[in-house]
Amino acid sequence: MSRFDLTVLSILSLCTLLLLGLWGQSRRVAGDDGAVFLLYKTVDEVGRAQLHSLPFAEEVTSADVSPSPLTPTEVSVWDFAPSPDGRFVAYGALGELGFSDLRLIDLASGEDRPLLACEDASCSGPSWSADGKFLAYTRRSVNAFASGVLSPPRIWIVDVESGETAPIFSDSQRLGLDGRWSADGAWLCFVSPEEQQLAVINLTGGPADEAGQTAFYPTATGETCSWDRSRARLYTTDFRQSGDEWMTHLLAIDVESGEQVELSGVGSEGPALVHDSSAVPSADGAWIAFQRKELEGPGATRGSQIWRMRPDGTEATALTADAAYDHGRPVWSPDGRYLITRRFPLRGPEVVPSLWLIDMETGAVDLLVEPGDFPAMAR
């Protein structure tokens, strides 16, 4: 076995040990006091994306907001992800010529430091393991023939403490992007572009399978998965056709059994004429928030609205219904009381994204911060 293969095997083995509790309790500093922060991006006057945070509490309103910048002004943020314990934020920092490094912010101290210098490569799409010790990310080579945006993507893993990194597959031709770790660290989903499929790799093995075994689920939408926090279940999308109309529908997949359930239009007589995407389960698994664009009827709009439904697709209910705006991927507050979504006006003269708060108990929709985009919770 080569040194390269041993490195990959050691990463998978470490994941197994962590899940079995042999490495003890995960590190937790920020978040022990119950503090919750909303993270989001803005674009400055020279076009660089910056990361901000603001305290999030019950009955929060736009008048209570006091945002704090997190990233240096010379940095442009590609994408970011808060750690499970709420202490760190990992983000892709865009450089010149398509390069992107991974950096780490300590939310308690405000320290911003390099995590991984991606020489001749573009690194993005960080996703934390359940214990906060590893990050899965997408790596693309950058050279004179292709930029980081156009180069074939591959899934790598980096040890947050040591900075050691390696591809998750020994086959260097295996492509993948947008890896997402399950809440228990046992599974990793990612988009497999050459097969137009969603791939799910088992990192721990079990009675009937082995660590490293990968299952594939056909989908051409290019959307990665989101995970239920309480069970081995993921949500993704696939295309459906009705006559000349193509639609995007939500699917739920039990990764242990392979069972797939279509959630869009449960109870309807035919295929639901909707575009559904971005399913986000609540912490207790009781609800799924998602984006929906109705294609016909009185609810049809040019932009997506925010809906919620039960995990079996029942009780689907619209939470927004403003045809003048497109609503982005929703984010749950830790207690499930609120949803935060980006609202983007479809017409001018001023087209500025803003973040809005949806109260799940009262139905009220209130402005939280403007400008703001790509919300995420650090808890």
Protein backbone atom coordinates (compact mmCIF):
# COMPACT_ATOMS: atom_id res chain seq x y z
CA MET A 1 0.00 0.00 0.00
CA SER A 2 1.40 3.42 -0.98
CA ARG A 3 2.02 6.28 1.42
CA PHE A 4 -0.79 8.16 -0.31
CA ASP A 5 -3.26 5.32 0.34
CA LEU A 6 -2.12 5.09 3.95
CA THR A 7 -2.83 8.79 4.43
CA VAL A 8 -6.38 8.43 3.12
CA LEU A 9 -6.94 5.28 5.19
CA SER A 10 -5.69 7.04 8.30
CA ILE A 11 -8.21 9.86 7.79
CA LEU A 12 -11.07 7.37 7.52
CA SER A 13 -9.78 5.52 10.58
CA LEU A 14 -9.61 8.74 12.59
CA CYS A 15 -13.23 9.46 11.69
CA THR A 16 -14.19 6.04 13.01
CA LEU A 17 -12.28 6.55 16.26
CA LEU A 18 -13.90 9.91 16.81
CA LEU A 19 -17.36 8.48 16.33
CA LEU A 20 -16.65 5.71 18.80
CA GLY A 21 -15.66 8.29 21.40
CA LEU A 22 -12.05 7.18 21.68
CA TRP A 23 -10.77 10.70 21.26
CA GLY A 24 -12.84 12.13 24.08
CA GLN A 25 -15.01 15.19 24.03
CA SER A 26 -14.76 17.69 21.21
CA ARG A 27 -13.36 21.15 21.87
CA ARG A 28 -15.95 23.75 22.79
CA VAL A 29 -15.20 27.30 23.90
CA ALA A 30 -17.44 29.83 22.18
CA GLY A 31 -21.07 28.78 22.45
CA ASP A 32 -20.85 27.33 25.97
CA ASP A 33 -22.62 30.42 27.25
CA GLY A 34 -25.48 29.88 24.82
CA ALA A 35 -24.49 32.79 22.58
CA VAL A 36 -25.77 32.55 19.00
CA PHE A 37 -24.50 34.60 16.07
CA LEU A 38 -25.88 35.13 12.60
CA LEU A 39 -23.14 35.15 9.96
CA TYR A 40 -23.64 36.68 6.53
CA LYS A 41 -21.86 38.23 3.56
CA THR A 42 -21.92 41.70 2.05
CA VAL A 43 -20.07 43.21 -0.92
CA ASP A 44 -17.93 46.29 -0.33
CA GLU A 45 -17.47 49.28 -2.63
CA VAL A 46 -14.69 47.61 -4.64
CA GLY A 47 -16.59 44.36 -5.13
CA ARG A 48 -14.99 42.21 -2.41
CA ALA A 49 -17.27 39.92 -0.40
CA GLN A 50 -16.87 40.43 3.35
CA LEU A 51 -18.09 38.32 6.27
CA HIS A 52 -20.04 39.84 9.18
CA SER A 53 -21.62 38.59 12.39
CA LEU A 54 -24.38 39.87 14.62
CA PRO A 55 -25.73 38.58 17.93
CA PHE A 56 -28.97 36.67 17.57
CA ALA A 57 -31.49 36.52 20.42
CA GLU A 58 -35.21 36.13 20.97
CA GLU A 59 -37.34 39.05 19.81
CA VAL A 60 -34.43 40.40 17.78
CA THR A 61 -35.32 43.18 15.34
CA SER A 62 -33.44 45.35 12.87
CA ALA A 63 -33.22 48.06 15.54
CA ASP A 64 -31.24 45.69 17.77
CA VAL A 65 -28.68 44.82 15.11
CA SER A 66 -25.05 45.77 15.62
CA PRO A 67 -23.06 43.90 12.95
CA SER A 68 -19.34 43.24 13.36
CA PRO A 69 -16.94 42.69 10.43
CA LEU A 70 -15.03 39.40 10.67
CA THR A 71 -12.70 39.36 7.67
CA PRO A 72 -9.85 41.69 6.66
CA THR A 73 -10.82 44.29 4.07
CA GLU A 74 -8.22 42.99 1.60
CA VAL A 75 -9.83 39.52 1.61
CA SER A 76 -12.74 38.46 -0.58
CA VAL A 77 -14.82 35.62 0.87
CA TRP A 78 -15.86 32.87 -1.54
CA ASP A 79 -17.88 30.71 0.86
CA PHE A 80 -17.81 29.85 4.56
CA ALA A 81 -19.03 27.41 7.23
CA PRO A 82 -19.28 27.77 11.03
CA SER A 83 -17.99 24.86 13.12
CA PRO A 84 -20.51 22.64 14.96
CA ASP A 85 -19.51 24.05 18.36
CA GLY A 86 -19.87 27.65 17.20
CA ARG A 87 -16.25 28.53 17.93
CA PHE A 88 -14.73 28.82 14.45
CA VAL A 89 -15.64 29.88 10.95
CA ALA A 90 -13.77 28.36 8.00
CA TYR A 91 -13.87 30.24 4.74
CA GLY A 92 -12.42 30.30 1.26
CA ALA A 93 -10.38 33.48 0.68
CA LEU A 94 -10.17 34.45 -2.97
CA GLY A 95 -6.84 35.57 -4.35
CA GLU A 96 -5.52 36.60 -7.71
CA LEU A 97 -5.67 34.43 -10.83
CA GLY A 98 -8.39 32.16 -9.43
CA PHE A 99 -6.51 30.94 -6.35
CA SER A 100 -8.40 30.43 -3.10
CA ASP A 101 -6.94 29.48 0.31
CA LEU A 102 -8.78 28.26 3.39
CA ARG A 103 -8.70 30.50 6.46
CA LEU A 104 -10.05 30.17 9.99
CA ILE A 105 -11.69 32.74 12.27
CA ASP A 106 -11.87 32.26 16.05
CA LEU A 107 -15.20 33.88 16.97
CA ALA A 108 -14.21 34.24 20.63
CA SER A 109 -11.01 36.21 19.99
CA GLY A 110 -11.63 37.52 16.49
CA GLU A 111 -8.32 36.03 15.31
CA ASP A 112 -8.19 35.37 11.56
CA ARG A 113 -5.43 32.97 10.50
CA PRO A 114 -4.44 30.80 7.54
CA LEU A 115 -5.64 27.20 7.67
CA LEU A 116 -4.50 25.83 4.33
CA ALA A 117 -2.42 27.51 1.64
CA CYS A 118 -3.64 25.96 -1.60
CA GLU A 119 -0.63 26.37 -3.89
CA ASP A 120 -1.58 26.20 -7.58
CA ALA A 121 -5.13 25.37 -6.53
CA SER A 122 -8.47 26.80 -5.52
CA CYS A 123 -9.96 25.49 -2.27
CA SER A 124 -13.58 26.16 -1.33
CA GLY A 125 -16.79 24.65 0.03
CA PRO A 126 -15.65 23.77 3.59
CA SER A 127 -17.80 21.32 5.54
CA TRP A 128 -17.05 20.43 9.18
CA SER A 129 -16.98 16.96 10.68
CA ALA A 130 -19.23 16.50 13.72
CA ASP A 131 -16.33 16.85 16.20
CA GLY A 132 -14.86 19.91 14.50
CA LYS A 133 -11.49 18.28 13.88
CA PHE A 134 -11.70 17.85 10.10
CA LEU A 135 -12.94 19.81 7.11
CA ALA A 136 -14.00 18.34 3.80
CA TYR A 137 -13.50 20.80 0.94
CA THR A 138 -13.47 21.09 -2.85
CA ARG A 139 -10.06 21.46 -4.50
CA ARG A 140 -9.48 22.54 -8.11
CA SER A 141 -6.09 22.85 -9.81
CA VAL A 142 -5.15 26.24 -11.21
CA ASN A 143 -2.72 26.51 -14.12
CA ALA A 144 -2.09 28.37 -17.36
CA PHE A 145 -4.78 26.34 -19.12
CA ALA A 146 -7.65 26.54 -16.63
CA SER A 147 -8.79 28.76 -13.77
CA GLY A 148 -10.02 27.46 -10.43
CA VAL A 149 -13.62 27.91 -11.55
CA LEU A 150 -13.23 25.76 -14.68
CA SER A 151 -10.86 23.04 -13.45
CA PRO A 152 -12.22 19.60 -12.47
CA PRO A 153 -13.13 19.48 -8.76
CA ARG A 154 -12.04 16.84 -6.22
CA ILE A 155 -12.94 16.22 -2.57
CA TRP A 156 -10.14 16.60 -0.04
CA ILE A 157 -10.00 16.51 3.78
CA VAL A 158 -7.83 18.68 6.04
CA ASP A 159 -6.98 18.19 9.72
CA VAL A 160 -7.88 21.54 11.31
CA GLU A 161 -5.22 21.36 14.04
CA SER A 162 -2.24 20.13 12.02
CA GLY A 163 -3.15 21.42 8.56
CA GLU A 164 -2.37 18.03 7.01
CA THR A 165 -4.49 17.39 3.94
CA ALA A 166 -5.16 14.57 1.47
CA PRO A 167 -7.75 13.60 -1.17
CA ILE A 168 -10.50 11.38 0.16
CA PHE A 169 -10.14 8.97 -2.79
CA SER A 170 -6.92 7.27 -3.85
CA ASP A 171 -8.13 7.44 -7.45
CA SER A 172 -6.90 10.87 -8.59
CA GLN A 173 -9.39 10.86 -11.48
CA ARG A 174 -12.40 10.62 -9.14
CA LEU A 175 -14.26 13.94 -9.30
CA GLY A 176 -16.51 15.49 -6.68
CA LEU A 177 -17.58 18.81 -5.21
CA ASP A 178 -19.69 20.38 -2.46
CA GLY A 179 -19.11 17.71 0.18
CA ARG A 180 -21.46 17.80 3.16
CA TRP A 181 -20.81 15.85 6.37
CA SER A 182 -23.69 14.21 8.23
CA ALA A 183 -24.37 15.37 11.79
CA ASP A 184 -22.88 12.18 13.29
CA GLY A 185 -19.81 12.21 11.01
CA ALA A 186 -20.61 8.77 9.60
CA TRP A 187 -21.46 9.88 6.06
CA LEU A 188 -20.30 12.36 3.46
CA CYS A 189 -22.37 13.34 0.44
CA PHE A 190 -21.03 15.18 -2.59
CA VAL A 191 -21.93 15.98 -6.18
CA SER A 192 -20.38 13.53 -8.66
CA PRO A 193 -20.34 15.62 -11.86
CA GLU A 194 -19.09 13.05 -14.39
CA GLU A 195 -21.95 10.64 -13.59
CA GLN A 196 -24.52 13.41 -12.91
CA GLN A 197 -25.23 11.82 -9.56
CA LEU A 198 -25.22 12.53 -5.86
CA ALA A 199 -22.65 10.30 -4.17
CA VAL A 200 -22.73 9.21 -0.52
CA ILE A 201 -19.63 7.68 1.07
CA ASN A 202 -19.79 5.64 4.28
CA LEU A 203 -16.85 6.72 6.47
CA THR A 204 -17.28 4.19 9.26
CA GLY A 205 -18.65 0.94 7.92
CA GLY A 206 -21.22 -1.28 9.60
CA PRO A 207 -22.48 -4.87 9.81
CA ALA A 208 -23.31 -5.06 6.12
CA ASP A 209 -20.81 -2.64 4.59
CA GLU A 210 -17.25 -1.39 4.69
CA ALA A 211 -15.71 2.01 5.30
CA GLY A 212 -15.21 3.84 2.03
CA GLN A 213 -18.16 2.21 0.27
CA THR A 214 -19.95 4.73 -1.96
CA ALA A 215 -23.56 4.76 -3.17
CA PHE A 216 -24.79 6.85 -6.11
CA TYR A 217 -28.19 8.45 -6.68
CA PRO A 218 -29.02 9.87 -10.14
CA THR A 219 -29.66 13.62 -10.27
CA ALA A 220 -28.71 16.19 -12.88
CA THR A 221 -29.57 19.30 -10.86
CA GLY A 222 -26.07 19.73 -9.46
CA GLU A 223 -27.43 20.47 -5.97
CA THR A 224 -25.67 18.83 -3.05
CA CYS A 225 -27.47 17.36 -0.03
CA SER A 226 -28.55 18.54 3.40
CA TRP A 227 -28.66 16.11 6.32
CA ASP A 228 -31.28 15.33 8.92
CA ARG A 229 -29.61 15.75 12.32
CA SER A 230 -31.38 12.86 14.02
CA ARG A 231 -31.06 10.03 11.49
CA ALA A 232 -29.20 8.80 8.40
CA ARG A 233 -31.42 10.67 5.98
CA LEU A 234 -30.55 13.32 3.41
CA TYR A 235 -32.47 15.71 1.19
CA THR A 236 -31.60 16.58 -2.40
CA THR A 237 -33.30 17.39 -5.72
CA ASP A 238 -33.90 15.85 -9.13
CA PHE A 239 -35.64 16.88 -12.36
CA ARG A 240 -39.16 15.81 -13.24
CA GLN A 241 -41.10 16.34 -16.49
CA SER A 242 -44.78 16.99 -17.12
CA GLY A 243 -45.53 17.52 -20.82
CA ASP A 244 -43.14 20.22 -22.00
CA GLU A 245 -42.51 21.48 -18.48
CA TRP A 246 -39.38 20.56 -16.49
CA MET A 247 -39.46 20.89 -12.72
CA THR A 248 -37.12 20.45 -9.77
CA HIS A 249 -38.51 18.26 -6.99
CA LEU A 250 -37.27 17.44 -3.50
CA LEU A 251 -36.22 13.90 -2.58
CA ALA A 252 -35.55 12.28 0.78
CA ILE A 253 -33.07 9.37 0.83
CA ASP A 254 -32.46 6.93 3.66
CA VAL A 255 -28.75 6.21 3.12
CA GLU A 256 -28.78 2.98 5.15
CA SER A 257 -31.60 1.33 3.21
CA GLY A 258 -31.33 3.30 -0.04
CA GLU A 259 -35.06 4.07 0.06
CA GLN A 260 -36.05 7.24 -1.82
CA VAL A 261 -39.21 9.29 -1.23
CA GLU A 262 -40.38 12.20 -3.37
CA LEU A 263 -41.60 15.07 -1.21
CA SER A 264 -42.78 17.66 -3.75
CA GLY A 265 -46.52 17.51 -4.33
CA VAL A 266 -47.37 14.80 -1.81
CA GLY A 267 -51.11 14.18 -2.04
CA SER A 268 -51.53 15.71 -5.50
CA GLU A 269 -52.93 13.68 -8.37
CA GLY A 270 -50.05 14.34 -10.78
CA PRO A 271 -46.56 15.83 -10.77
CA ALA A 272 -46.52 19.10 -8.85
CA LEU A 273 -45.77 22.04 -11.17
CA VAL A 274 -43.18 23.57 -8.85
CA HIS A 275 -39.47 24.15 -8.58
CA ASP A 276 -38.41 23.04 -5.07
CA SER A 277 -34.87 23.24 -3.69
CA SER A 278 -32.66 23.90 -0.65
CA ALA A 279 -34.38 21.66 1.90
CA VAL A 280 -33.19 22.51 5.42
CA PRO A 281 -34.44 20.36 8.34
CA SER A 282 -35.11 21.93 11.74
CA ALA A 283 -32.92 20.82 14.63
CA ASP A 284 -35.60 18.48 15.99
CA GLY A 285 -36.41 17.09 12.53
CA ALA A 286 -40.08 18.04 12.81
CA TRP A 287 -40.08 20.41 9.83
CA ILE A 288 -38.28 21.07 6.57
CA ALA A 289 -37.93 24.62 5.29
CA PHE A 290 -37.29 25.01 1.57
CA GLN A 291 -37.51 27.25 -1.49
CA ARG A 292 -40.49 26.86 -3.81
CA LYS A 293 -41.39 28.53 -7.08
CA GLU A 294 -44.92 27.70 -8.22
CA LEU A 295 -45.25 27.52 -12.00
CA GLU A 296 -49.01 27.94 -12.31
CA GLY A 297 -52.05 29.06 -10.37
CA PRO A 298 -52.59 32.05 -8.06
CA GLY A 299 -49.34 31.39 -6.20
CA ALA A 300 -47.12 31.51 -9.29
CA THR A 301 -44.25 33.99 -8.95
CA ARG A 302 -41.06 34.86 -10.83
CA GLY A 303 -38.99 34.35 -7.70
CA SER A 304 -38.80 31.59 -5.08
CA GLN A 305 -40.78 31.79 -1.85
CA ILE A 306 -40.07 30.13 1.50
CA TRP A 307 -42.21 27.15 2.47
CA ARG A 308 -42.18 24.49 5.17
CA MET A 309 -43.50 20.94 5.33
CA ARG A 310 -43.25 17.78 7.39
CA PRO A 311 -40.43 15.30 6.60
CA ASP A 312 -42.94 13.09 4.75
CA GLY A 313 -44.01 15.96 2.47
CA THR A 314 -47.35 16.69 4.16
CA GLU A 315 -48.60 20.02 5.55
CA ALA A 316 -46.73 22.05 2.93
CA THR A 317 -47.38 25.73 3.73
CA ALA A 318 -46.14 28.99 2.22
CA LEU A 319 -44.37 31.31 4.67
CA THR A 320 -43.76 34.15 2.21
CA ALA A 321 -45.86 35.26 -0.75
CA ASP A 322 -44.30 38.44 -2.13
CA ALA A 323 -44.06 38.22 -5.92
CA ALA A 324 -41.70 41.22 -6.06
CA TYR A 325 -38.89 39.32 -4.35
CA ASP A 326 -36.82 36.17 -4.71
CA HIS A 327 -36.10 34.39 -1.42
CA GLY A 328 -32.87 32.48 -0.82
CA ARG A 329 -31.94 29.33 1.07
CA PRO A 330 -33.50 29.48 4.56
CA VAL A 331 -31.66 29.02 7.85
CA TRP A 332 -33.23 27.84 11.13
CA SER A 333 -32.59 29.46 14.49
CA PRO A 334 -31.33 26.86 17.01
CA ASP A 335 -34.66 26.73 18.86
CA GLY A 336 -36.70 26.40 15.65
CA ARG A 337 -38.68 29.57 16.41
CA TYR A 338 -37.35 31.56 13.44
CA LEU A 339 -36.21 31.23 9.88
CA ILE A 340 -33.77 33.66 8.27
CA THR A 341 -33.81 34.14 4.51
CA ARG A 342 -32.21 36.43 1.96
CA ARG A 343 -34.71 38.60 0.10
CA PHE A 344 -33.70 39.97 -3.30
CA PRO A 345 -35.84 42.46 -5.26
CA LEU A 346 -36.60 41.38 -8.82
CA ARG A 347 -36.91 44.97 -10.06
CA GLY A 348 -34.99 48.22 -9.47
CA PRO A 349 -34.13 50.94 -9.11
CA GLU A 350 -32.18 49.76 -6.04
CA VAL A 351 -31.44 46.03 -6.08
CA VAL A 352 -29.99 45.26 -2.66
CA PRO A 353 -30.17 41.85 -0.92
CA SER A 354 -31.35 41.89 2.68
CA LEU A 355 -31.94 39.36 5.46
CA TRP A 356 -35.43 38.84 6.85
CA LEU A 357 -36.72 37.07 9.94
CA ILE A 358 -39.76 34.77 9.73
CA ASP A 359 -41.48 34.09 13.05
CA MET A 360 -42.82 30.54 12.90
CA GLU A 361 -45.32 31.18 15.70
CA THR A 362 -46.86 34.45 14.55
CA GLY A 363 -46.08 34.38 10.83
CA ALA A 364 -44.53 37.87 11.01
CA VAL A 365 -41.82 38.65 8.44
CA ASP A 366 -39.46 41.47 9.52
CA LEU A 367 -36.31 43.07 8.20
CA LEU A 368 -33.21 41.98 10.10
CA VAL A 369 -30.26 43.55 8.26
CA GLU A 370 -29.59 45.30 4.94
CA PRO A 371 -27.48 44.65 2.95
CA GLY A 372 -26.90 40.97 3.66
CA ASP A 373 -26.68 37.63 1.88
CA PHE A 374 -25.84 33.92 2.45
CA PRO A 375 -26.97 33.65 6.11
CA ALA A 376 -25.64 30.95 8.46
CA MET A 377 -25.94 30.32 12.20
CA ALA A 378 -22.98 29.91 14.57
CA ARG A 379 -24.18 28.34 17.80
